[in-house]
mmCIF file of all heavy atoms, coordinates in Angstrom:
data_MODEL
# 
_entry.id   MODEL 
# 
loop_
_atom_site.group_PDB 
_atom_site.id 
_atom_site.type_symbol 
_atom_site.label_atom_id 
_atom_site.label_alt_id 
_atom_site.label_comp_id 
_atom_site.label_asym_id 
_atom_site.label_entity_id 
_atom_site.label_seq_id 
_atom_site.pdbx_PDB_ins_code 
_atom_site.Cartn_x 
_atom_site.Cartn_y 
_atom_site.Cartn_z 
_atom_site.occupancy 
_atom_site.B_iso_or_equiv 
_atom_site.pdbx_formal_charge 
_atom_site.auth_seq_id 
_atom_site.auth_comp_id 
_atom_site.auth_asym_id 
_atom_site.auth_atom_id 
_atom_site.pdbx_PDB_model_num 
ATOM 1   N N   . GLU A 1 1  ? 88.990  218.386 72.551 1.00 0.00 ? 1  GLU A N   1 
ATOM 2   C CA  . GLU A 1 1  ? 88.781  219.828 72.871 1.00 0.00 ? 1  GLU A CA  1 
ATOM 3   C C   . GLU A 1 1  ? 90.111  220.454 73.196 1.00 0.00 ? 1  GLU A C   1 
ATOM 4   O O   . GLU A 1 1  ? 90.996  219.909 73.746 1.00 0.00 ? 1  GLU A O   1 
ATOM 5   C CB  . GLU A 1 1  ? 87.764  220.006 73.953 1.00 0.00 ? 1  GLU A CB  1 
ATOM 6   C CG  . GLU A 1 1  ? 88.189  219.509 75.292 1.00 0.00 ? 1  GLU A CG  1 
ATOM 7   C CD  . GLU A 1 1  ? 87.217  219.879 76.409 1.00 0.00 ? 1  GLU A CD  1 
ATOM 8   O OE1 . GLU A 1 1  ? 86.186  220.594 76.140 1.00 0.00 ? 1  GLU A OE1 1 
ATOM 9   O OE2 . GLU A 1 1  ? 87.475  219.510 77.548 1.00 0.00 ? 1  GLU A OE2 1 
ATOM 10  N N   . PHE A 1 2  ? 90.150  221.768 72.852 1.00 0.00 ? 2  PHE A N   1 
ATOM 11  C CA  . PHE A 1 2  ? 91.337  222.577 73.092 1.00 0.00 ? 2  PHE A CA  1 
ATOM 12  C C   . PHE A 1 2  ? 91.458  222.815 74.588 1.00 0.00 ? 2  PHE A C   1 
ATOM 13  O O   . PHE A 1 2  ? 90.463  223.063 75.251 1.00 0.00 ? 2  PHE A O   1 
ATOM 14  C CB  . PHE A 1 2  ? 91.119  223.907 72.370 1.00 0.00 ? 2  PHE A CB  1 
ATOM 15  C CG  . PHE A 1 2  ? 92.120  224.970 72.712 1.00 0.00 ? 2  PHE A CG  1 
ATOM 16  C CD1 . PHE A 1 2  ? 93.459  224.931 72.233 1.00 0.00 ? 2  PHE A CD1 1 
ATOM 17  C CD2 . PHE A 1 2  ? 91.769  226.050 73.523 1.00 0.00 ? 2  PHE A CD2 1 
ATOM 18  C CE1 . PHE A 1 2  ? 94.387  225.859 72.521 1.00 0.00 ? 2  PHE A CE1 1 
ATOM 19  C CE2 . PHE A 1 2  ? 92.691  227.022 73.829 1.00 0.00 ? 2  PHE A CE2 1 
ATOM 20  C CZ  . PHE A 1 2  ? 93.939  226.976 73.310 1.00 0.00 ? 2  PHE A CZ  1 
ATOM 21  N N   . VAL A 1 3  ? 92.646  222.754 75.083 1.00 0.00 ? 3  VAL A N   1 
ATOM 22  C CA  . VAL A 1 3  ? 92.956  223.047 76.481 1.00 0.00 ? 3  VAL A CA  1 
ATOM 23  C C   . VAL A 1 3  ? 93.780  224.342 76.590 1.00 0.00 ? 3  VAL A C   1 
ATOM 24  O O   . VAL A 1 3  ? 93.360  225.279 77.311 1.00 0.00 ? 3  VAL A O   1 
ATOM 25  C CB  . VAL A 1 3  ? 93.744  221.911 77.180 1.00 0.00 ? 3  VAL A CB  1 
ATOM 26  C CG1 . VAL A 1 3  ? 94.159  222.312 78.525 1.00 0.00 ? 3  VAL A CG1 1 
ATOM 27  C CG2 . VAL A 1 3  ? 92.912  220.621 77.166 1.00 0.00 ? 3  VAL A CG2 1 
ATOM 28  N N   . GLY A 1 4  ? 94.890  224.414 75.871 1.00 0.00 ? 4  GLY A N   1 
ATOM 29  C CA  . GLY A 1 4  ? 95.717  225.626 75.960 1.00 0.00 ? 4  GLY A CA  1 
ATOM 30  C C   . GLY A 1 4  ? 96.764  225.593 74.926 1.00 0.00 ? 4  GLY A C   1 
ATOM 31  O O   . GLY A 1 4  ? 97.036  224.568 74.309 1.00 0.00 ? 4  GLY A O   1 
ATOM 32  N N   . VAL A 1 5  ? 97.385  226.787 74.708 1.00 0.00 ? 5  VAL A N   1 
ATOM 33  C CA  . VAL A 1 5  ? 98.516  226.922 73.797 1.00 0.00 ? 5  VAL A CA  1 
ATOM 34  C C   . VAL A 1 5  ? 99.513  227.910 74.316 1.00 0.00 ? 5  VAL A C   1 
ATOM 35  O O   . VAL A 1 5  ? 99.096  228.874 74.987 1.00 0.00 ? 5  VAL A O   1 
ATOM 36  C CB  . VAL A 1 5  ? 97.988  227.385 72.388 1.00 0.00 ? 5  VAL A CB  1 
ATOM 37  C CG1 . VAL A 1 5  ? 97.194  228.641 72.484 1.00 0.00 ? 5  VAL A CG1 1 
ATOM 38  C CG2 . VAL A 1 5  ? 99.125  227.458 71.367 1.00 0.00 ? 5  VAL A CG2 1 
ATOM 39  N N   . ILE A 1 6  ? 100.751 227.666 74.120 1.00 0.00 ? 6  ILE A N   1 
ATOM 40  C CA  . ILE A 1 6  ? 101.840 228.547 74.497 1.00 0.00 ? 6  ILE A CA  1 
ATOM 41  C C   . ILE A 1 6  ? 102.628 228.910 73.271 1.00 0.00 ? 6  ILE A C   1 
ATOM 42  O O   . ILE A 1 6  ? 102.842 228.075 72.380 1.00 0.00 ? 6  ILE A O   1 
ATOM 43  C CB  . ILE A 1 6  ? 102.733 227.892 75.561 1.00 0.00 ? 6  ILE A CB  1 
ATOM 44  C CG1 . ILE A 1 6  ? 103.738 228.897 76.098 1.00 0.00 ? 6  ILE A CG1 1 
ATOM 45  C CG2 . ILE A 1 6  ? 103.385 226.620 75.085 1.00 0.00 ? 6  ILE A CG2 1 
ATOM 46  C CD1 . ILE A 1 6  ? 104.445 228.469 77.404 1.00 0.00 ? 6  ILE A CD1 1 
ATOM 47  N N   . ASP A 1 7  ? 103.032 230.170 73.152 1.00 0.00 ? 7  ASP A N   1 
ATOM 48  C CA  . ASP A 1 7  ? 103.721 230.576 71.959 1.00 0.00 ? 7  ASP A CA  1 
ATOM 49  C C   . ASP A 1 7  ? 105.155 230.087 71.947 1.00 0.00 ? 7  ASP A C   1 
ATOM 50  O O   . ASP A 1 7  ? 105.639 229.443 72.876 1.00 0.00 ? 7  ASP A O   1 
ATOM 51  C CB  . ASP A 1 7  ? 103.618 232.098 71.796 1.00 0.00 ? 7  ASP A CB  1 
ATOM 52  C CG  . ASP A 1 7  ? 104.500 232.895 72.764 1.00 0.00 ? 7  ASP A CG  1 
ATOM 53  O OD1 . ASP A 1 7  ? 105.058 232.283 73.709 1.00 0.00 ? 7  ASP A OD1 1 
ATOM 54  O OD2 . ASP A 1 7  ? 104.552 234.129 72.612 1.00 0.00 ? 7  ASP A OD2 1 
ATOM 55  N N   . TYR A 1 8  ? 105.869 230.387 70.826 1.00 0.00 ? 8  TYR A N   1 
ATOM 56  C CA  . TYR A 1 8  ? 107.157 229.693 70.629 1.00 0.00 ? 8  TYR A CA  1 
ATOM 57  C C   . TYR A 1 8  ? 108.209 230.027 71.622 1.00 0.00 ? 8  TYR A C   1 
ATOM 58  O O   . TYR A 1 8  ? 109.121 229.253 71.899 1.00 0.00 ? 8  TYR A O   1 
ATOM 59  C CB  . TYR A 1 8  ? 107.621 229.981 69.215 1.00 0.00 ? 8  TYR A CB  1 
ATOM 60  C CG  . TYR A 1 8  ? 107.840 231.460 68.943 1.00 0.00 ? 8  TYR A CG  1 
ATOM 61  C CD1 . TYR A 1 8  ? 109.142 232.011 69.072 1.00 0.00 ? 8  TYR A CD1 1 
ATOM 62  C CD2 . TYR A 1 8  ? 106.861 232.316 68.577 1.00 0.00 ? 8  TYR A CD2 1 
ATOM 63  C CE1 . TYR A 1 8  ? 109.341 233.322 68.874 1.00 0.00 ? 8  TYR A CE1 1 
ATOM 64  C CE2 . TYR A 1 8  ? 107.050 233.657 68.342 1.00 0.00 ? 8  TYR A CE2 1 
ATOM 65  C CZ  . TYR A 1 8  ? 108.311 234.180 68.492 1.00 0.00 ? 8  TYR A CZ  1 
ATOM 66  O OH  . TYR A 1 8  ? 108.504 235.518 68.275 1.00 0.00 ? 8  TYR A OH  1 
ATOM 67  N N   . ASN A 1 9  ? 108.110 231.219 72.236 1.00 0.00 ? 9  ASN A N   1 
ATOM 68  C CA  . ASN A 1 9  ? 109.136 231.602 73.222 1.00 0.00 ? 9  ASN A CA  1 
ATOM 69  C C   . ASN A 1 9  ? 108.598 231.683 74.615 1.00 0.00 ? 9  ASN A C   1 
ATOM 70  O O   . ASN A 1 9  ? 109.339 232.079 75.558 1.00 0.00 ? 9  ASN A O   1 
ATOM 71  C CB  . ASN A 1 9  ? 109.760 232.962 72.856 1.00 0.00 ? 9  ASN A CB  1 
ATOM 72  C CG  . ASN A 1 9  ? 108.739 234.080 72.809 1.00 0.00 ? 9  ASN A CG  1 
ATOM 73  O OD1 . ASN A 1 9  ? 107.617 233.886 73.162 1.00 0.00 ? 9  ASN A OD1 1 
ATOM 74  N ND2 . ASN A 1 9  ? 109.135 235.264 72.389 1.00 0.00 ? 9  ASN A ND2 1 
ATOM 75  N N   . GLY A 1 10 ? 107.423 231.123 74.825 1.00 0.00 ? 10 GLY A N   1 
ATOM 76  C CA  . GLY A 1 10 ? 106.905 231.003 76.157 1.00 0.00 ? 10 GLY A CA  1 
ATOM 77  C C   . GLY A 1 10 ? 106.414 232.283 76.800 1.00 0.00 ? 10 GLY A C   1 
ATOM 78  O O   . GLY A 1 10 ? 106.144 232.333 78.013 1.00 0.00 ? 10 GLY A O   1 
ATOM 79  N N   . GLU A 1 11 ? 106.232 233.352 76.010 1.00 0.00 ? 11 GLU A N   1 
ATOM 80  C CA  . GLU A 1 11 ? 105.847 234.634 76.580 1.00 0.00 ? 11 GLU A CA  1 
ATOM 81  C C   . GLU A 1 11 ? 104.345 234.800 76.707 1.00 0.00 ? 11 GLU A C   1 
ATOM 82  O O   . GLU A 1 11 ? 103.903 235.680 77.447 1.00 0.00 ? 11 GLU A O   1 
ATOM 83  C CB  . GLU A 1 11 ? 106.418 235.745 75.725 1.00 0.00 ? 11 GLU A CB  1 
ATOM 84  C CG  . GLU A 1 11 ? 107.961 235.864 75.873 1.00 0.00 ? 11 GLU A CG  1 
ATOM 85  C CD  . GLU A 1 11 ? 108.521 237.087 75.128 1.00 0.00 ? 11 GLU A CD  1 
ATOM 86  O OE1 . GLU A 1 11 ? 107.774 237.766 74.437 1.00 0.00 ? 11 GLU A OE1 1 
ATOM 87  O OE2 . GLU A 1 11 ? 109.739 237.334 75.278 1.00 0.00 ? 11 GLU A OE2 1 
ATOM 88  N N   . SER A 1 12 ? 103.577 234.051 76.003 1.00 0.00 ? 12 SER A N   1 
ATOM 89  C CA  . SER A 1 12 ? 102.140 234.198 76.140 1.00 0.00 ? 12 SER A CA  1 
ATOM 90  C C   . SER A 1 12 ? 101.481 232.865 75.916 1.00 0.00 ? 12 SER A C   1 
ATOM 91  O O   . SER A 1 12 ? 102.021 231.957 75.319 1.00 0.00 ? 12 SER A O   1 
ATOM 92  C CB  . SER A 1 12 ? 101.608 235.195 75.111 1.00 0.00 ? 12 SER A CB  1 
ATOM 93  O OG  . SER A 1 12 ? 101.870 234.766 73.759 1.00 0.00 ? 12 SER A OG  1 
ATOM 94  N N   . ALA A 1 13 ? 100.303 232.739 76.508 1.00 0.00 ? 13 ALA A N   1 
ATOM 95  C CA  . ALA A 1 13 ? 99.490  231.517 76.400 1.00 0.00 ? 13 ALA A CA  1 
ATOM 96  C C   . ALA A 1 13 ? 98.033  231.881 76.509 1.00 0.00 ? 13 ALA A C   1 
ATOM 97  O O   . ALA A 1 13 ? 97.661  232.902 76.993 1.00 0.00 ? 13 ALA A O   1 
ATOM 98  C CB  . ALA A 1 13 ? 99.897  230.588 77.574 1.00 0.00 ? 13 ALA A CB  1 
ATOM 99  N N   . GLU A 1 14 ? 97.245  230.981 75.978 1.00 0.00 ? 14 GLU A N   1 
ATOM 100 C CA  . GLU A 1 14 ? 95.816  231.070 76.073 1.00 0.00 ? 14 GLU A CA  1 
ATOM 101 C C   . GLU A 1 14 ? 95.261  229.741 76.481 1.00 0.00 ? 14 GLU A C   1 
ATOM 102 O O   . GLU A 1 14 ? 95.799  228.720 76.201 1.00 0.00 ? 14 GLU A O   1 
ATOM 103 C CB  . GLU A 1 14 ? 95.212  231.592 74.755 1.00 0.00 ? 14 GLU A CB  1 
ATOM 104 C CG  . GLU A 1 14 ? 95.594  233.018 74.438 1.00 0.00 ? 14 GLU A CG  1 
ATOM 105 C CD  . GLU A 1 14 ? 94.504  233.724 73.630 1.00 0.00 ? 14 GLU A CD  1 
ATOM 106 O OE1 . GLU A 1 14 ? 93.568  233.044 73.234 1.00 0.00 ? 14 GLU A OE1 1 
ATOM 107 O OE2 . GLU A 1 14 ? 94.659  234.956 73.453 1.00 0.00 ? 14 GLU A OE2 1 
ATOM 108 N N   . PHE A 1 15 ? 94.037  229.811 77.097 1.00 0.00 ? 15 PHE A N   1 
ATOM 109 C CA  . PHE A 1 15 ? 93.429  228.631 77.661 1.00 0.00 ? 15 PHE A CA  1 
ATOM 110 C C   . PHE A 1 15 ? 91.951  228.592 77.369 1.00 0.00 ? 15 PHE A C   1 
ATOM 111 O O   . PHE A 1 15 ? 91.323  229.657 77.211 1.00 0.00 ? 15 PHE A O   1 
ATOM 112 C CB  . PHE A 1 15 ? 93.651  228.578 79.192 1.00 0.00 ? 15 PHE A CB  1 
ATOM 113 C CG  . PHE A 1 15 ? 95.101  228.493 79.572 1.00 0.00 ? 15 PHE A CG  1 
ATOM 114 C CD1 . PHE A 1 15 ? 95.848  229.643 79.764 1.00 0.00 ? 15 PHE A CD1 1 
ATOM 115 C CD2 . PHE A 1 15 ? 95.749  227.258 79.659 1.00 0.00 ? 15 PHE A CD2 1 
ATOM 116 C CE1 . PHE A 1 15 ? 97.195  229.522 80.080 1.00 0.00 ? 15 PHE A CE1 1 
ATOM 117 C CE2 . PHE A 1 15 ? 97.078  227.179 79.981 1.00 0.00 ? 15 PHE A CE2 1 
ATOM 118 C CZ  . PHE A 1 15 ? 97.815  228.350 80.150 1.00 0.00 ? 15 PHE A CZ  1 
ATOM 119 N N   . ALA A 1 16 ? 91.397  227.405 77.347 1.00 0.00 ? 16 ALA A N   1 
ATOM 120 C CA  . ALA A 1 16 ? 89.975  227.238 77.323 1.00 0.00 ? 16 ALA A CA  1 
ATOM 121 C C   . ALA A 1 16 ? 89.371  227.786 78.588 1.00 0.00 ? 16 ALA A C   1 
ATOM 122 O O   . ALA A 1 16 ? 89.974  227.727 79.664 1.00 0.00 ? 16 ALA A O   1 
ATOM 123 C CB  . ALA A 1 16 ? 89.583  225.762 77.165 1.00 0.00 ? 16 ALA A CB  1 
ATOM 124 N N   . ASP A 1 17 ? 88.173  228.262 78.500 1.00 0.00 ? 17 ASP A N   1 
ATOM 125 C CA  . ASP A 1 17 ? 87.497  228.862 79.703 1.00 0.00 ? 17 ASP A CA  1 
ATOM 126 C C   . ASP A 1 17 ? 87.347  227.795 80.794 1.00 0.00 ? 17 ASP A C   1 
ATOM 127 O O   . ASP A 1 17 ? 87.429  228.159 81.968 1.00 0.00 ? 17 ASP A O   1 
ATOM 128 C CB  . ASP A 1 17 ? 86.086  229.347 79.307 1.00 0.00 ? 17 ASP A CB  1 
ATOM 129 C CG  . ASP A 1 17 ? 86.158  230.597 78.461 1.00 0.00 ? 17 ASP A CG  1 
ATOM 130 O OD1 . ASP A 1 17 ? 87.230  231.277 78.423 1.00 0.00 ? 17 ASP A OD1 1 
ATOM 131 O OD2 . ASP A 1 17 ? 85.161  230.950 77.860 1.00 0.00 ? 17 ASP A OD2 1 
ATOM 132 N N   . SER A 1 18 ? 87.231  226.567 80.412 1.00 0.00 ? 18 SER A N   1 
ATOM 133 C CA  . SER A 1 18 ? 87.010  225.506 81.436 1.00 0.00 ? 18 SER A CA  1 
ATOM 134 C C   . SER A 1 18 ? 88.175  225.272 82.342 1.00 0.00 ? 18 SER A C   1 
ATOM 135 O O   . SER A 1 18 ? 88.101  224.675 83.398 1.00 0.00 ? 18 SER A O   1 
ATOM 136 C CB  . SER A 1 18 ? 86.613  224.201 80.715 1.00 0.00 ? 18 SER A CB  1 
ATOM 137 O OG  . SER A 1 18 ? 87.612  223.817 79.797 1.00 0.00 ? 18 SER A OG  1 
ATOM 138 N N   . VAL A 1 19 ? 89.419  225.660 81.889 1.00 0.00 ? 19 VAL A N   1 
ATOM 139 C CA  . VAL A 1 19 ? 90.648  225.434 82.675 1.00 0.00 ? 19 VAL A CA  1 
ATOM 140 C C   . VAL A 1 19 ? 91.308  226.750 83.067 1.00 0.00 ? 19 VAL A C   1 
ATOM 141 O O   . VAL A 1 19 ? 92.315  226.687 83.799 1.00 0.00 ? 19 VAL A O   1 
ATOM 142 C CB  . VAL A 1 19 ? 91.595  224.535 81.915 1.00 0.00 ? 19 VAL A CB  1 
ATOM 143 C CG1 . VAL A 1 19 ? 90.890  223.243 81.447 1.00 0.00 ? 19 VAL A CG1 1 
ATOM 144 C CG2 . VAL A 1 19 ? 92.188  225.239 80.751 1.00 0.00 ? 19 VAL A CG2 1 
ATOM 145 N N   . LYS A 1 20 ? 90.808  227.830 82.627 1.00 0.00 ? 20 LYS A N   1 
ATOM 146 C CA  . LYS A 1 20 ? 91.440  229.147 82.904 1.00 0.00 ? 20 LYS A CA  1 
ATOM 147 C C   . LYS A 1 20 ? 91.487  229.362 84.417 1.00 0.00 ? 20 LYS A C   1 
ATOM 148 O O   . LYS A 1 20 ? 90.531  229.125 85.144 1.00 0.00 ? 20 LYS A O   1 
ATOM 149 C CB  . LYS A 1 20 ? 90.654  230.237 82.234 1.00 0.00 ? 20 LYS A CB  1 
ATOM 150 C CG  . LYS A 1 20 ? 91.455  231.449 81.880 1.00 0.00 ? 20 LYS A CG  1 
ATOM 151 C CD  . LYS A 1 20 ? 90.696  232.429 80.964 1.00 0.00 ? 20 LYS A CD  1 
ATOM 152 C CE  . LYS A 1 20 ? 90.544  231.820 79.600 1.00 0.00 ? 20 LYS A CE  1 
ATOM 153 N NZ  . LYS A 1 20 ? 89.880  232.811 78.699 1.00 0.00 ? 20 LYS A NZ  1 
ATOM 154 N N   . GLY A 1 21 ? 92.666  229.744 84.880 1.00 0.00 ? 21 GLY A N   1 
ATOM 155 C CA  . GLY A 1 21 ? 92.870  229.958 86.302 1.00 0.00 ? 21 GLY A CA  1 
ATOM 156 C C   . GLY A 1 21 ? 93.341  228.767 87.068 1.00 0.00 ? 21 GLY A C   1 
ATOM 157 O O   . GLY A 1 21 ? 93.792  228.889 88.200 1.00 0.00 ? 21 GLY A O   1 
ATOM 158 N N   . ARG A 1 22 ? 93.204  227.558 86.450 1.00 0.00 ? 22 ARG A N   1 
ATOM 159 C CA  . ARG A 1 22 ? 93.675  226.354 87.110 1.00 0.00 ? 22 ARG A CA  1 
ATOM 160 C C   . ARG A 1 22 ? 94.836  225.660 86.414 1.00 0.00 ? 22 ARG A C   1 
ATOM 161 O O   . ARG A 1 22 ? 95.672  225.111 87.069 1.00 0.00 ? 22 ARG A O   1 
ATOM 162 C CB  . ARG A 1 22 ? 92.508  225.365 87.183 1.00 0.00 ? 22 ARG A CB  1 
ATOM 163 C CG  . ARG A 1 22 ? 91.262  225.814 87.944 1.00 0.00 ? 22 ARG A CG  1 
ATOM 164 C CD  . ARG A 1 22 ? 90.243  224.702 88.058 1.00 0.00 ? 22 ARG A CD  1 
ATOM 165 N NE  . ARG A 1 22 ? 89.719  224.287 86.795 1.00 0.00 ? 22 ARG A NE  1 
ATOM 166 C CZ  . ARG A 1 22 ? 89.837  223.025 86.322 1.00 0.00 ? 22 ARG A CZ  1 
ATOM 167 N NH1 . ARG A 1 22 ? 90.397  222.118 87.030 1.00 0.00 ? 22 ARG A NH1 1 
ATOM 168 N NH2 . ARG A 1 22 ? 89.308  222.702 85.150 1.00 0.00 ? 22 ARG A NH2 1 
ATOM 169 N N   . PHE A 1 23 ? 94.887  225.889 85.123 1.00 0.00 ? 23 PHE A N   1 
ATOM 170 C CA  . PHE A 1 23 ? 96.006  225.281 84.320 1.00 0.00 ? 23 PHE A CA  1 
ATOM 171 C C   . PHE A 1 23 ? 96.930  226.413 83.869 1.00 0.00 ? 23 PHE A C   1 
ATOM 172 O O   . PHE A 1 23 ? 96.554  227.540 83.698 1.00 0.00 ? 23 PHE A O   1 
ATOM 173 C CB  . PHE A 1 23 ? 95.422  224.584 83.092 1.00 0.00 ? 23 PHE A CB  1 
ATOM 174 C CG  . PHE A 1 23 ? 94.669  223.336 83.344 1.00 0.00 ? 23 PHE A CG  1 
ATOM 175 C CD1 . PHE A 1 23 ? 94.246  222.943 84.648 1.00 0.00 ? 23 PHE A CD1 1 
ATOM 176 C CD2 . PHE A 1 23 ? 94.354  222.464 82.296 1.00 0.00 ? 23 PHE A CD2 1 
ATOM 177 C CE1 . PHE A 1 23 ? 93.519  221.826 84.854 1.00 0.00 ? 23 PHE A CE1 1 
ATOM 178 C CE2 . PHE A 1 23 ? 93.644  221.314 82.494 1.00 0.00 ? 23 PHE A CE2 1 
ATOM 179 C CZ  . PHE A 1 23 ? 93.225  220.982 83.786 1.00 0.00 ? 23 PHE A CZ  1 
ATOM 180 N N   . SER A 1 24 ? 98.180  226.035 83.678 1.00 0.00 ? 24 SER A N   1 
ATOM 181 C CA  . SER A 1 24 ? 99.192  226.922 83.122 1.00 0.00 ? 24 SER A CA  1 
ATOM 182 C C   . SER A 1 24 ? 100.105 226.135 82.213 1.00 0.00 ? 24 SER A C   1 
ATOM 183 O O   . SER A 1 24 ? 100.151 224.903 82.315 1.00 0.00 ? 24 SER A O   1 
ATOM 184 C CB  . SER A 1 24 ? 99.954  227.641 84.226 1.00 0.00 ? 24 SER A CB  1 
ATOM 185 O OG  . SER A 1 24 ? 100.685 226.775 85.031 1.00 0.00 ? 24 SER A OG  1 
ATOM 186 N N   . LEU A 1 25 ? 100.858 226.866 81.419 1.00 0.00 ? 25 LEU A N   1 
ATOM 187 C CA  . LEU A 1 25 ? 101.763 226.261 80.502 1.00 0.00 ? 25 LEU A CA  1 
ATOM 188 C C   . LEU A 1 25 ? 103.171 226.879 80.653 1.00 0.00 ? 25 LEU A C   1 
ATOM 189 O O   . LEU A 1 25 ? 103.296 228.083 80.914 1.00 0.00 ? 25 LEU A O   1 
ATOM 190 C CB  . LEU A 1 25 ? 101.306 226.502 79.029 1.00 0.00 ? 25 LEU A CB  1 
ATOM 191 C CG  . LEU A 1 25 ? 100.194 225.578 78.548 1.00 0.00 ? 25 LEU A CG  1 
ATOM 192 C CD1 . LEU A 1 25 ? 99.540  226.139 77.294 1.00 0.00 ? 25 LEU A CD1 1 
ATOM 193 C CD2 . LEU A 1 25 ? 100.713 224.177 78.297 1.00 0.00 ? 25 LEU A CD2 1 
ATOM 194 N N   . SER A 1 26 ? 104.188 226.059 80.441 1.00 0.00 ? 26 SER A N   1 
ATOM 195 C CA  . SER A 1 26 ? 105.538 226.561 80.419 1.00 0.00 ? 26 SER A CA  1 
ATOM 196 C C   . SER A 1 26 ? 106.298 225.716 79.381 1.00 0.00 ? 26 SER A C   1 
ATOM 197 O O   . SER A 1 26 ? 105.817 224.621 78.974 1.00 0.00 ? 26 SER A O   1 
ATOM 198 C CB  . SER A 1 26 ? 106.193 226.487 81.777 1.00 0.00 ? 26 SER A CB  1 
ATOM 199 O OG  . SER A 1 26 ? 106.311 225.152 82.191 1.00 0.00 ? 26 SER A OG  1 
ATOM 200 N N   . ARG A 1 27 ? 107.445 226.177 78.984 1.00 0.00 ? 27 ARG A N   1 
ATOM 201 C CA  . ARG A 1 27 ? 108.260 225.423 78.061 1.00 0.00 ? 27 ARG A CA  1 
ATOM 202 C C   . ARG A 1 27 ? 109.736 225.649 78.321 1.00 0.00 ? 27 ARG A C   1 
ATOM 203 O O   . ARG A 1 27 ? 110.128 226.717 78.828 1.00 0.00 ? 27 ARG A O   1 
ATOM 204 C CB  . ARG A 1 27 ? 107.910 225.751 76.605 1.00 0.00 ? 27 ARG A CB  1 
ATOM 205 C CG  . ARG A 1 27 ? 108.175 227.177 76.163 1.00 0.00 ? 27 ARG A CG  1 
ATOM 206 C CD  . ARG A 1 27 ? 107.585 227.477 74.803 1.00 0.00 ? 27 ARG A CD  1 
ATOM 207 N NE  . ARG A 1 27 ? 108.220 226.699 73.783 1.00 0.00 ? 27 ARG A NE  1 
ATOM 208 C CZ  . ARG A 1 27 ? 107.692 226.406 72.584 1.00 0.00 ? 27 ARG A CZ  1 
ATOM 209 N NH1 . ARG A 1 27 ? 106.503 226.891 72.277 1.00 0.00 ? 27 ARG A NH1 1 
ATOM 210 N NH2 . ARG A 1 27 ? 108.343 225.707 71.689 1.00 0.00 ? 27 ARG A NH2 1 
# 
């Protein structure tokens, strides 16, 4: 299952509802 994705320059990300607000992404 999908957890999250971050775009190529780190400016935006999206998350599965199950982890939204608890998980974050950086690069």
